[in-house]
C-alpha atoms as a PDB file:
ATOM      1  CA  MET A   1      34.362  80.399 176.846  1.00  0.00           C
ATOM      2  CA  GLN A   2      35.439  76.872 176.826  1.00  0.00           C
ATOM      3  CA  CYS A   3      39.006  76.361 174.947  1.00  0.00           C
ATOM      4  CA  GLN A   4      38.905  74.008 171.587  1.00  0.00           C
ATOM      5  CA  ILE A   5      41.698  72.132 172.415  1.00  0.00           C
ATOM      6  CA  CYS A   6      41.265  70.973 175.515  1.00  0.00           C
ATOM      7  CA  LYS A   7      37.437  71.785 176.894  1.00  0.00           C
ATOM      8  CA  SER A   8      38.995  73.898 180.008  1.00  0.00           C
ATOM      9  CA  LYS A   9      37.086  76.937 180.817  1.00  0.00           C
ATOM     10  CA  ALA A  10      40.423  77.840 182.681  1.00  0.00           C
ATOM     11  CA  ILE A  11      40.453  81.294 179.897  1.00  0.00           C
ATOM     12  CA  LYS A  12      41.593  84.499 180.490  1.00  0.00           C
ATOM     13  CA  PRO A  13      42.886  87.983 178.772  1.00  0.00           C
ATOM     14  CA  TYR A  14      46.687  87.358 177.333  1.00  0.00           C
ATOM     15  CA  LYS A  15      46.750  90.419 175.085  1.00  0.00           C
ATOM     16  CA  VAL A  16      45.195  93.301 172.698  1.00  0.00           C
ATOM     17  CA  VAL A  17      46.609  93.393 169.492  1.00  0.00           C
ATOM     18  CA  ASP A  18      45.999  96.301 167.123  1.00  0.00           C
ATOM     19  CA  SER A  19      42.363  96.722 169.840  1.00  0.00           C
ATOM     20  CA  VAL A  20      42.375  92.790 169.430  1.00  0.00           C
ATOM     21  CA  LEU A  21      41.551  91.044 172.725  1.00  0.00           C
ATOM     22  CA  ILE A  22      43.816  87.718 172.590  1.00  0.00           C
ATOM     23  CA  TYR A  23      42.673  85.227 175.360  1.00  0.00           C
ATOM     24  CA  LEU A  24      44.751  82.331 176.783  1.00  0.00           C
ATOM     25  CA  CYS A  25      43.966  79.071 178.033  1.00  0.00           C
ATOM     26  CA  THR A  26      46.049  78.558 180.934  1.00  0.00           C
ATOM     27  CA  LYS A  27      45.825  74.657 180.669  1.00  0.00           C
ATOM     28  CA  CYS A  28      47.193  73.854 177.610  1.00  0.00           C
ATOM     29  CA  HIS A  29      48.173  77.363 176.614  1.00  0.00           C
ATOM     30  CA  VAL A  30      47.185  77.889 173.539  1.00  0.00           C
ATOM     31  CA  ALA A  31      46.171  81.130 172.695  1.00  0.00           C
ATOM     32  CA  PHE A  32      42.873  82.529 170.390  1.00  0.00           C
ATOM     33  CA  LEU A  33      40.919  85.016 169.045  1.00  0.00           C
ATOM     34  CA  ASP A  34      37.113  85.437 169.870  1.00  0.00           C
ATOM     35  CA  PRO A  35      35.685  83.354 167.626  1.00  0.00           C
ATOM     36  CA  SER A  36      32.827  86.180 166.288  1.00  0.00           C
ATOM     37  CA  THR A  37      36.120  88.146 165.698  1.00  0.00           C
ATOM     38  CA  PRO A  38      35.746  89.455 162.235  1.00  0.00           C
ATOM     39  CA  ARG A  39      38.250  88.925 159.777  1.00  0.00           C
ATOM     40  CA  LYS A  40      40.147  91.799 157.404  1.00  0.00           C
ATOM     41  CA  LYS A  41      41.225  91.362 153.917  1.00  0.00           C
ATOM     42  CA  THR A  42      45.278  90.686 153.582  1.00  0.00           C
ATOM     43  CA  SER A  43      46.033  90.342 150.152  1.00  0.00           C
ATOM     44  CA  HIS A  44      48.240  93.486 150.759  1.00  0.00           C
ATOM     45  CA  ILE A  45      50.323  91.210 153.097  1.00  0.00           C
ATOM     46  CA  TYR A  46      50.708  88.866 150.297  1.00  0.00           C
ATOM     47  CA  SER A  47      52.833  90.476 147.229  1.00  0.00           C
ATOM     48  CA  PHE A  48      54.381  88.737 144.856  1.00  0.00           C
ATOM     49  CA  LEU A  49      57.383  91.576 144.175  1.00  0.00           C
ATOM     50  CA  ASP A  50      57.583  91.108 147.643  1.00  0.00           C
ATOM     51  CA  TYR A  51      58.312  87.103 148.248  1.00  0.00           C
ATOM     52  CA  LYS A  52      60.279  87.874 144.469  1.00  0.00           C
ATOM     53  CA  LYS A  53      63.011  89.609 146.700  1.00  0.00           C
ATOM     54  CA  ARG A  54      63.308  87.217 149.834  1.00  0.00           C
ATOM     55  CA  GLU A  55      63.289  83.926 146.909  1.00  0.00           C
ATOM     56  CA  SER A  56      66.657  82.391 147.881  1.00  0.00           C
ATOM     57  CA  GLN A  57      64.928  82.514 151.636  1.00  0.00           C
ATOM     58  CA  PHE A  58      62.284  80.366 151.247  1.00  0.00           C
ATOM     59  CA  ARG A  59      63.890  78.081 148.888  1.00  0.00           C
ATOM     60  CA  ASN A  60      67.159  76.924 151.685  1.00  0.00           C
ATOM     61  CA  ARG A  61      63.655  77.104 154.103  1.00  0.00           C
ATOM     62  CA  PHE A  62      61.998  74.670 152.115  1.00  0.00           C
ATOM     63  CA  ARG A  63      64.965  72.487 151.173  1.00  0.00           C
ATOM     64  CA  THR A  64      65.112  71.564 154.932  1.00  0.00           C
ATOM     65  CA  THR A  65      61.113  70.980 154.354  1.00  0.00           C
ATOM     66  CA  VAL A  66      62.205  69.013 151.577  1.00  0.00           C
ATOM     67  CA  HIS A  67      64.551  66.526 153.594  1.00  0.00           C
ATOM     68  CA  LEU A  68      62.050  66.304 156.070  1.00  0.00           C
ATOM     69  CA  ILE A  69      59.171  64.750 153.131  1.00  0.00           C
ATOM     70  CA  GLN A  70      62.340  62.751 151.749  1.00  0.00           C
ATOM     71  CA  ARG A  71      63.146  60.849 154.759  1.00  0.00           C
ATOM     72  CA  PHE A  72      59.677  60.125 156.392  1.00  0.00           C
ATOM     73  CA  ILE A  73      57.509  59.992 153.971  1.00  0.00           C
ATOM     74  CA  LYS A  74      55.947  56.024 152.444  1.00  0.00           C
ATOM     75  CA  GLY A  75      54.817  57.656 149.120  1.00  0.00           C
ATOM     76  CA  LYS A  76      55.152  59.797 146.373  1.00  0.00           C
ATOM     77  CA  LYS A  77      51.660  61.167 146.972  1.00  0.00           C
ATOM     78  CA  ILE A  78      51.346  64.802 147.995  1.00  0.00           C
ATOM     79  CA  LEU A  79      48.944  67.571 149.377  1.00  0.00           C
ATOM     80  CA  GLU A  80      49.779  71.140 150.537  1.00  0.00           C
ATOM     81  CA  VAL A  81      47.365  72.852 151.975  1.00  0.00           C
ATOM     82  CA  GLY A  82      47.609  76.615 150.834  1.00  0.00           C
ATOM     83  CA  ALA A  83      49.779  76.654 148.838  1.00  0.00           C
ATOM     84  CA  GLY A  84      50.371  80.621 148.427  1.00  0.00           C
ATOM     85  CA  PHE A  85      52.747  81.488 145.488  1.00  0.00           C
ATOM     86  CA  GLY A  86      53.553  77.079 144.660  1.00  0.00           C
ATOM     87  CA  LEU A  87      57.121  77.324 145.080  1.00  0.00           C
ATOM     88  CA  LEU A  88      57.147  74.181 148.175  1.00  0.00           C
ATOM     89  CA  SER A  89      55.307  72.682 145.360  1.00  0.00           C
ATOM     90  CA  SER A  90      57.021  72.845 142.691  1.00  0.00           C
ATOM     91  CA  MET A  91      60.709  72.573 143.993  1.00  0.00           C
ATOM     92  CA  LEU A  92      58.819  68.751 146.038  1.00  0.00           C
ATOM     93  CA  SER A  93      57.815  68.445 141.855  1.00  0.00           C
ATOM     94  CA  SER A  94      61.130  68.826 141.171  1.00  0.00           C
ATOM     95  CA  GLU A  95      61.663  65.926 142.818  1.00  0.00           C
ATOM     96  CA  GLY A  96      60.566  63.583 141.291  1.00  0.00           C
ATOM     97  CA  PHE A  97      57.433  63.285 143.686  1.00  0.00           C
ATOM     98  CA  GLU A  98      53.212  63.402 142.401  1.00  0.00           C
ATOM     99  CA  VAL A  99      52.055  67.085 144.219  1.00  0.00           C
ATOM    100  CA  ASP A 100      48.291  68.248 144.689  1.00  0.00           C
ATOM    101  CA  ALA A 101      47.832  71.540 145.598  1.00  0.00           C
ATOM    102  CA  LEU A 102      45.306  73.482 147.132  1.00  0.00           C
ATOM    103  CA  GLU A 103      45.383  77.159 146.874  1.00  0.00           C
ATOM    104  CA  PRO A 104      41.657  79.807 146.973  1.00  0.00           C
ATOM    105  CA  ASP A 105      43.721  83.155 147.323  1.00  0.00           C
ATOM    106  CA  VAL A 106      46.897  84.155 145.510  1.00  0.00           C
ATOM    107  CA  GLU A 107      48.117  82.991 141.469  1.00  0.00           C
ATOM    108  CA  PRO A 108      50.211  79.931 142.092  1.00  0.00           C
ATOM    109  CA  ILE A 109      52.686  81.629 139.879  1.00  0.00           C
ATOM    110  CA  TYR A 110      55.948  79.307 140.296  1.00  0.00           C
ATOM    111  CA  LEU A 111      53.288  76.085 139.216  1.00  0.00           C
ATOM    112  CA  LYS A 112      52.906  77.370 135.365  1.00  0.00           C
ATOM    113  CA  GLY A 113      53.935  74.885 133.488  1.00  0.00           C
ATOM    114  CA  LEU A 114      54.234  72.002 135.741  1.00  0.00           C
ATOM    115  CA  THR A 115      52.859  68.660 136.321  1.00  0.00           C
ATOM    116  CA  VAL A 116      51.084  70.234 139.243  1.00  0.00           C
ATOM    117  CA  HIS A 117      47.103  69.666 139.889  1.00  0.00           C
ATOM    118  CA  ILE A 118      45.859  73.278 141.094  1.00  0.00           C
ATOM    119  CA  PHE A 119      42.886  73.162 143.226  1.00  0.00           C
ATOM    120  CA  LYS A 120      40.684  76.508 143.878  1.00  0.00           C
ATOM    121  CA  ASP A 121      39.432  75.183 147.584  1.00  0.00           C
ATOM    122  CA  HIS A 122      39.458  75.660 150.879  1.00  0.00           C
ATOM    123  CA  LEU A 123      40.780  72.206 152.686  1.00  0.00           C
ATOM    124  CA  GLU A 124      36.987  71.039 154.707  1.00  0.00           C
ATOM    125  CA  ASP A 125      34.934  71.573 150.683  1.00  0.00           C
ATOM    126  CA  TYR A 126      37.860  69.705 148.700  1.00  0.00           C
ATOM    127  CA  VAL A 127      37.890  66.754 151.668  1.00  0.00           C
ATOM    128  CA  LYS A 128      33.720  66.350 150.734  1.00  0.00           C
ATOM    129  CA  LYS A 129      35.136  65.835 147.037  1.00  0.00           C
ATOM    130  CA  THR A 130      38.025  64.285 146.767  1.00  0.00           C
ATOM    131  CA  LYS A 131      38.523  60.647 146.973  1.00  0.00           C
ATOM    132  CA  VAL A 132      41.986  60.929 146.618  1.00  0.00           C
ATOM    133  CA  LYS A 133      44.382  59.709 149.568  1.00  0.00           C
ATOM    134  CA  TYR A 134      47.925  60.600 150.143  1.00  0.00           C
ATOM    135  CA  ASP A 135      51.470  59.718 151.689  1.00  0.00           C
ATOM    136  CA  ALA A 136      51.831  63.761 153.028  1.00  0.00           C
ATOM    137  CA  VAL A 137      49.514  66.656 153.754  1.00  0.00           C
ATOM    138  CA  ILE A 138      51.728  69.862 154.318  1.00  0.00           C
ATOM    139  CA  LEU A 139      49.972  72.866 155.927  1.00  0.00           C
ATOM    140  CA  TYR A 140      52.888  75.825 155.713  1.00  0.00           C
ATOM    141  CA  ASP A 141      52.132  78.447 158.540  1.00  0.00           C
ATOM    142  CA  VAL A 142      47.985  77.574 157.923  1.00  0.00           C
ATOM    143  CA  LEU A 143      46.694  76.032 160.614  1.00  0.00           C
ATOM    144  CA  GLU A 144      47.370  79.732 163.013  1.00  0.00           C
ATOM    145  CA  HIS A 145      43.825  80.495 160.354  1.00  0.00           C
ATOM    146  CA  VAL A 146      41.647  77.664 160.660  1.00  0.00           C
ATOM    147  CA  ASP A 147      38.355  78.454 162.347  1.00  0.00           C
ATOM    148  CA  SER A 148      38.853  75.026 164.220  1.00  0.00           C
ATOM    149  CA  PRO A 149      42.314  73.091 164.687  1.00  0.00           C
ATOM    150  CA  LYS A 150      40.468  70.221 166.232  1.00  0.00           C
ATOM    151  CA  ASP A 151      38.137  70.194 162.498  1.00  0.00           C
ATOM    152  CA  THR A 152      41.467  70.380 160.507  1.00  0.00           C
ATOM    153  CA  VAL A 153      42.580  67.298 162.038  1.00  0.00           C
ATOM    154  CA  LYS A 154      39.628  65.623 161.783  1.00  0.00           C
ATOM    155  CA  LEU A 155      40.049  65.494 157.990  1.00  0.00           C
ATOM    156  CA  PHE A 156      44.056  64.361 157.712  1.00  0.00           C
ATOM    157  CA  GLU A 157      42.346  61.362 158.712  1.00  0.00           C
ATOM    158  CA  ASN A 158      40.153  61.381 155.295  1.00  0.00           C
ATOM    159  CA  LEU A 159      42.865  61.975 153.036  1.00  0.00           C
ATOM    160  CA  LEU A 160      46.192  59.650 154.263  1.00  0.00           C
ATOM    161  CA  ASN A 161      47.265  56.922 153.602  1.00  0.00           C
ATOM    162  CA  ASP A 162      47.988  54.314 156.255  1.00  0.00           C
ATOM    163  CA  LYS A 163      51.488  55.184 157.886  1.00  0.00           C
ATOM    164  CA  GLY A 164      50.810  58.625 156.136  1.00  0.00           C
ATOM    165  CA  ILE A 165      52.195  61.967 157.290  1.00  0.00           C
ATOM    166  CA  VAL A 166      50.744  65.486 158.391  1.00  0.00           C
ATOM    167  CA  ILE A 167      54.085  68.032 157.958  1.00  0.00           C
ATOM    168  CA  ILE A 168      52.952  71.685 159.875  1.00  0.00           C
ATOM    169  CA  GLN A 169      54.680  74.591 160.016  1.00  0.00           C
ATOM    170  CA  THR A 170      52.804  77.515 162.615  1.00  0.00           C
ATOM    171  CA  PRO A 171      54.277  80.861 164.416  1.00  0.00           C
ATOM    172  CA  ASN A 172      54.650  79.838 168.122  1.00  0.00           C
ATOM    173  CA  TYR A 173      53.938  82.422 170.472  1.00  0.00           C
ATOM    174  CA  GLU A 174      56.041  81.021 172.952  1.00  0.00           C
ATOM    175  CA  SER A 175      59.396  82.122 171.352  1.00  0.00           C
ATOM    176  CA  LEU A 176      62.388  84.139 172.459  1.00  0.00           C
ATOM    177  CA  MET A 177      61.451  86.738 169.256  1.00  0.00           C
ATOM    178  CA  ALA A 178      57.436  87.007 171.017  1.00  0.00           C
ATOM    179  CA  LYS A 179      59.306  88.010 173.889  1.00  0.00           C
ATOM    180  CA  VAL A 180      61.576  90.748 173.141  1.00  0.00           C
ATOM    181  CA  VAL A 181      59.949  92.495 169.619  1.00  0.00           C
ATOM    182  CA  ARG A 182      57.946  95.051 170.263  1.00  0.00           C
ATOM    183  CA  ASN A 183      54.845  94.279 167.636  1.00  0.00           C
ATOM    184  CA  TRP A 184      55.104  90.377 166.302  1.00  0.00           C
ATOM    185  CA  SER A 185      54.287  90.386 162.851  1.00  0.00           C
ATOM    186  CA  TRP A 186      53.380  86.825 163.658  1.00  0.00           C
ATOM    187  CA  TRP A 187      50.264  87.958 165.572  1.00  0.00           C
ATOM    188  CA  MET A 188      48.767  89.506 162.805  1.00  0.00           C
ATOM    189  CA  VAL A 189      45.465  89.175 164.668  1.00  0.00           C
ATOM    190  CA  GLU A 190      43.542  90.446 160.891  1.00  0.00           C
ATOM    191  CA  ASP A 191      43.396  86.214 160.234  1.00  0.00           C
ATOM    192  CA  HIS A 192      45.220  84.778 162.557  1.00  0.00           C
ATOM    193  CA  ARG A 193      42.566  82.670 164.945  1.00  0.00           C
ATOM    194  CA  PHE A 194      45.132  80.355 167.357  1.00  0.00           C
ATOM    195  CA  PHE A 195      48.559  80.850 168.007  1.00  0.00           C
ATOM    196  CA  PHE A 196      49.781  77.315 169.387  1.00  0.00           C
ATOM    197  CA  SER A 197      52.367  76.235 172.717  1.00  0.00           C
ATOM    198  CA  LYS A 198      54.131  73.136 171.518  1.00  0.00           C
ATOM    199  CA  LYS A 199      51.533  71.610 174.740  1.00  0.00           C
ATOM    200  CA  SER A 200      48.378  72.824 172.400  1.00  0.00           C
ATOM    201  CA  LEU A 201      49.506  71.649 168.925  1.00  0.00           C
ATOM    202  CA  ASP A 202      51.043  68.378 171.214  1.00  0.00           C
ATOM    203  CA  LEU A 203      47.102  68.051 172.522  1.00  0.00           C
ATOM    204  CA  LEU A 204      45.721  68.589 168.726  1.00  0.00           C
ATOM    205  CA  PHE A 205      47.010  65.138 167.727  1.00  0.00           C
ATOM    206  CA  ASN A 206      46.879  63.528 170.633  1.00  0.00           C
ATOM    207  CA  ASN A 207      44.875  59.930 170.146  1.00  0.00           C
ATOM    208  CA  ARG A 208      46.302  56.767 169.006  1.00  0.00           C
ATOM    209  CA  SER A 209      46.066  57.077 165.422  1.00  0.00           C
ATOM    210  CA  TRP A 210      48.493  59.593 165.349  1.00  0.00           C
ATOM    211  CA  LYS A 211      52.372  59.204 166.460  1.00  0.00           C
ATOM    212  CA  GLN A 212      54.913  62.186 166.382  1.00  0.00           C
ATOM    213  CA  LEU A 213      57.514  61.558 164.789  1.00  0.00           C
ATOM    214  CA  PHE A 214      59.741  65.208 164.540  1.00  0.00           C
ATOM    215  CA  TYR A 215      59.537  68.135 166.154  1.00  0.00           C
ATOM    216  CA  ARG A 216      62.104  71.731 166.395  1.00  0.00           C
ATOM    217  CA  THR A 217      61.296  75.167 166.486  1.00  0.00           C
ATOM    218  CA  TYR A 218      63.203  77.681 163.851  1.00  0.00           C
ATOM    219  CA  GLU A 219      63.347  80.507 162.331  1.00  0.00           C
ATOM    220  CA  GLU A 220      65.692  82.208 160.441  1.00  0.00           C
ATOM    221  CA  TRP A 221      68.047  85.543 161.028  1.00  0.00           C
ATOM    222  CA  PRO A 222      66.235  88.235 158.611  1.00  0.00           C
ATOM    223  CA  ASP A 223      62.654  87.425 159.936  1.00  0.00           C
ATOM    224  CA  PHE A 224      64.254  87.609 163.715  1.00  0.00           C
ATOM    225  CA  LYS A 225      66.247  90.770 162.762  1.00  0.00           C
ATOM    226  CA  LYS A 226      62.909  92.470 160.575  1.00  0.00           C
ATOM    227  CA  ASN A 227      60.664  92.057 164.199  1.00  0.00           C
ATOM    228  CA  LEU A 228      63.599  93.991 166.461  1.00  0.00           C
ATOM    229  CA  ASP A 229      63.669  96.675 164.264  1.00  0.00           C
ATOM    230  CA  GLY A 230      60.241  97.396 165.195  1.00  0.00           C
ATOM    231  CA  ASN A 231      61.670  98.003 168.765  1.00  0.00           C
ATOM    232  CA  PHE A 232      63.202 101.268 167.252  1.00  0.00           C
ATOM    233  CA  VAL A 233      60.704 103.094 165.367  1.00  0.00           C
ATOM    234  CA  MET A 234      59.794 105.341 167.877  1.00  0.00           C
ATOM    235  CA  ILE A 235      62.828 107.200 168.778  1.00  0.00           C
ATOM    236  CA  GLN A 236      62.200 110.082 166.266  1.00  0.00           C
ATOM    237  CA  ASN A 237      65.837 111.195 165.722  1.00  0.00           C
ATOM    238  CA  ALA A 238      67.654 109.473 162.703  1.00  0.00           C
ATOM    239  CA  LEU A 239      71.072 109.488 163.849  1.00  0.00           C
ATOM    240  CA  VAL A 240      70.196 108.180 167.472  1.00  0.00           C
ATOM    241  CA  ARG A 241      67.839 105.585 166.726  1.00  0.00           C
ATOM    242  CA  LYS A 242      71.078 104.030 164.471  1.00  0.00           C
ATOM    243  CA  CYS A 243      73.357 104.494 167.033  1.00  0.00           C
ATOM    244  CA  ILE A 244      71.460 102.786 169.068  1.00  0.00           C
ATOM    245  CA  LYS A 245      70.682  99.761 166.877  1.00  0.00           C
ATOM    246  CA  ALA A 246      74.039  99.468 166.156  1.00  0.00           C
ATOM    247  CA  LEU A 247      74.014  98.878 169.984  1.00  0.00           C
ATOM    248  CA  PHE A 248      71.991  96.468 170.105  1.00  0.00           C
ATOM    249  CA  PHE A 249      72.712  94.738 167.715  1.00  0.00           C
ATOM    250  CA  GLY A 250      76.250  94.562 168.518  1.00  0.00           C
ATOM    251  CA  PHE A 251      75.670  92.456 171.248  1.00  0.00           C
ATOM    252  CA  PHE A 252      72.472  91.058 170.488  1.00  0.00           C
ATOM    253  CA  ALA A 253      73.644  89.110 167.184  1.00  0.00           C
ATOM    254  CA  PRO A 254      76.620  87.584 168.633  1.00  0.00           C
ATOM    255  CA  PHE A 255      74.343  86.020 171.441  1.00  0.00           C
ATOM    256  CA  TYR A 256      72.154  85.216 168.883  1.00  0.00           C
ATOM    257  CA  VAL A 257      74.220  83.564 167.114  1.00  0.00           C
ATOM    258  CA  VAL A 258      76.170  81.273 169.843  1.00  0.00           C
ATOM    259  CA  GLY A 259      72.813  79.992 171.359  1.00  0.00           C
ATOM    260  CA  LYS A 260      70.125  79.899 168.678  1.00  0.00           C
ATOM    261  CA  HIS A 261      70.836  76.112 168.362  1.00  0.00           C
ATOM    262  CA  GLN A 262      70.505  75.646 172.135  1.00  0.00           C
ATOM    263  CA  LEU A 263      67.313  78.326 172.271  1.00  0.00           C
ATOM    264  CA  TRP A 264      65.394  76.395 169.488  1.00  0.00           C
ATOM    265  CA  LYS A 265      65.578  73.180 171.312  1.00  0.00           C
ATOM    266  CA  CYS A 266      64.151  74.267 174.309  1.00  0.00           C
ATOM    267  CA  GLY A 267      61.382  74.890 172.261  1.00  0.00           C
ATOM    268  CA  ARG A 268      61.997  78.861 172.226  1.00  0.00           C
ATOM    269  CA  GLY A 269      62.170  79.214 168.401  1.00  0.00           C
ATOM    270  CA  GLY A 270      59.501  81.678 166.754  1.00  0.00           C
ATOM    271  CA  LEU A 271      58.140  78.418 164.531  1.00  0.00           C
ATOM    272  CA  HIS A 272      56.823  75.399 165.555  1.00  0.00           C
ATOM    273  CA  MET A 273      57.459  72.475 162.543  1.00  0.00           C
ATOM    274  CA  ALA A 274      56.129  69.120 163.811  1.00  0.00           C
ATOM    275  CA  ILE A 275      55.334  65.852 161.511  1.00  0.00           C
ATOM    276  CA  TRP A 276      52.685  63.154 163.063  1.00  0.00           C
ATOM    277  CA  GLN A 277      52.577  60.075 161.523  1.00  0.00           C
ATOM    278  CA  TYR A 278      48.709  58.571 160.950  1.00  0.00           C
ATOM    279  CA  ASN A 279      48.042  54.618 161.734  1.00  0.00           C
ATOM    280  CA  LYS A 280      45.145  53.544 161.218  1.00  0.00           C
ATOM    281  CA  ARG A 281      43.194  51.852 163.534  1.00  0.00           C
END
């Protein structure tokens, strides 16, 4: 077995999640599934009713993304890959951007009635038929799903104008969250293929065509707490479980509030957020 990112053969078993073996490249620190691992249906995970309950949280998160795009973009034309229910694309459209959205699986409900072009295509199929060039391409929680991240990055070069940007968010398996929770929800081996470290993410864009403009790690407290709650499910007695949780969070929450920004700065946040600029040679 060879690492797709750095071509190293220094591969070892890393972790078993739900009976699925995850491998690790010891050179670039990307974790991944065997390519032959079958995918499972995940439609039950993406419920609009559940999403709607957390809409205010997502809107706050996406405002940061909108501000980053406004800071780094050189034009107005944006492609969101894997737009989901369309909330981010709708917010970008309301800010005056010209938005195209790729979403092959779910209904982009937030885009109804908006001047956003919706395509029921996967990225590789869309690239074959479009002649449109974009000033920004967004992959929000998408890169971990693809079969070939290297090939995906090559597709960006066919889509972007010179000085166009790629904005990527993807889970960070080297995060504090992944280390301390019992069952990190972002392993999601039903459909996730790759799990990136900062080193492996940087190697994807390691040629003269790409320049990194921005990088940080972060997560939101509701996501961290939800993951931590899973550490206590094995305690059968409800009262005991409640008391232990109260003691734990009484200690952990202040530590987290005080130290989270330093943890994120050290690359231990639950999510990578990065922006690269494409420079035509």
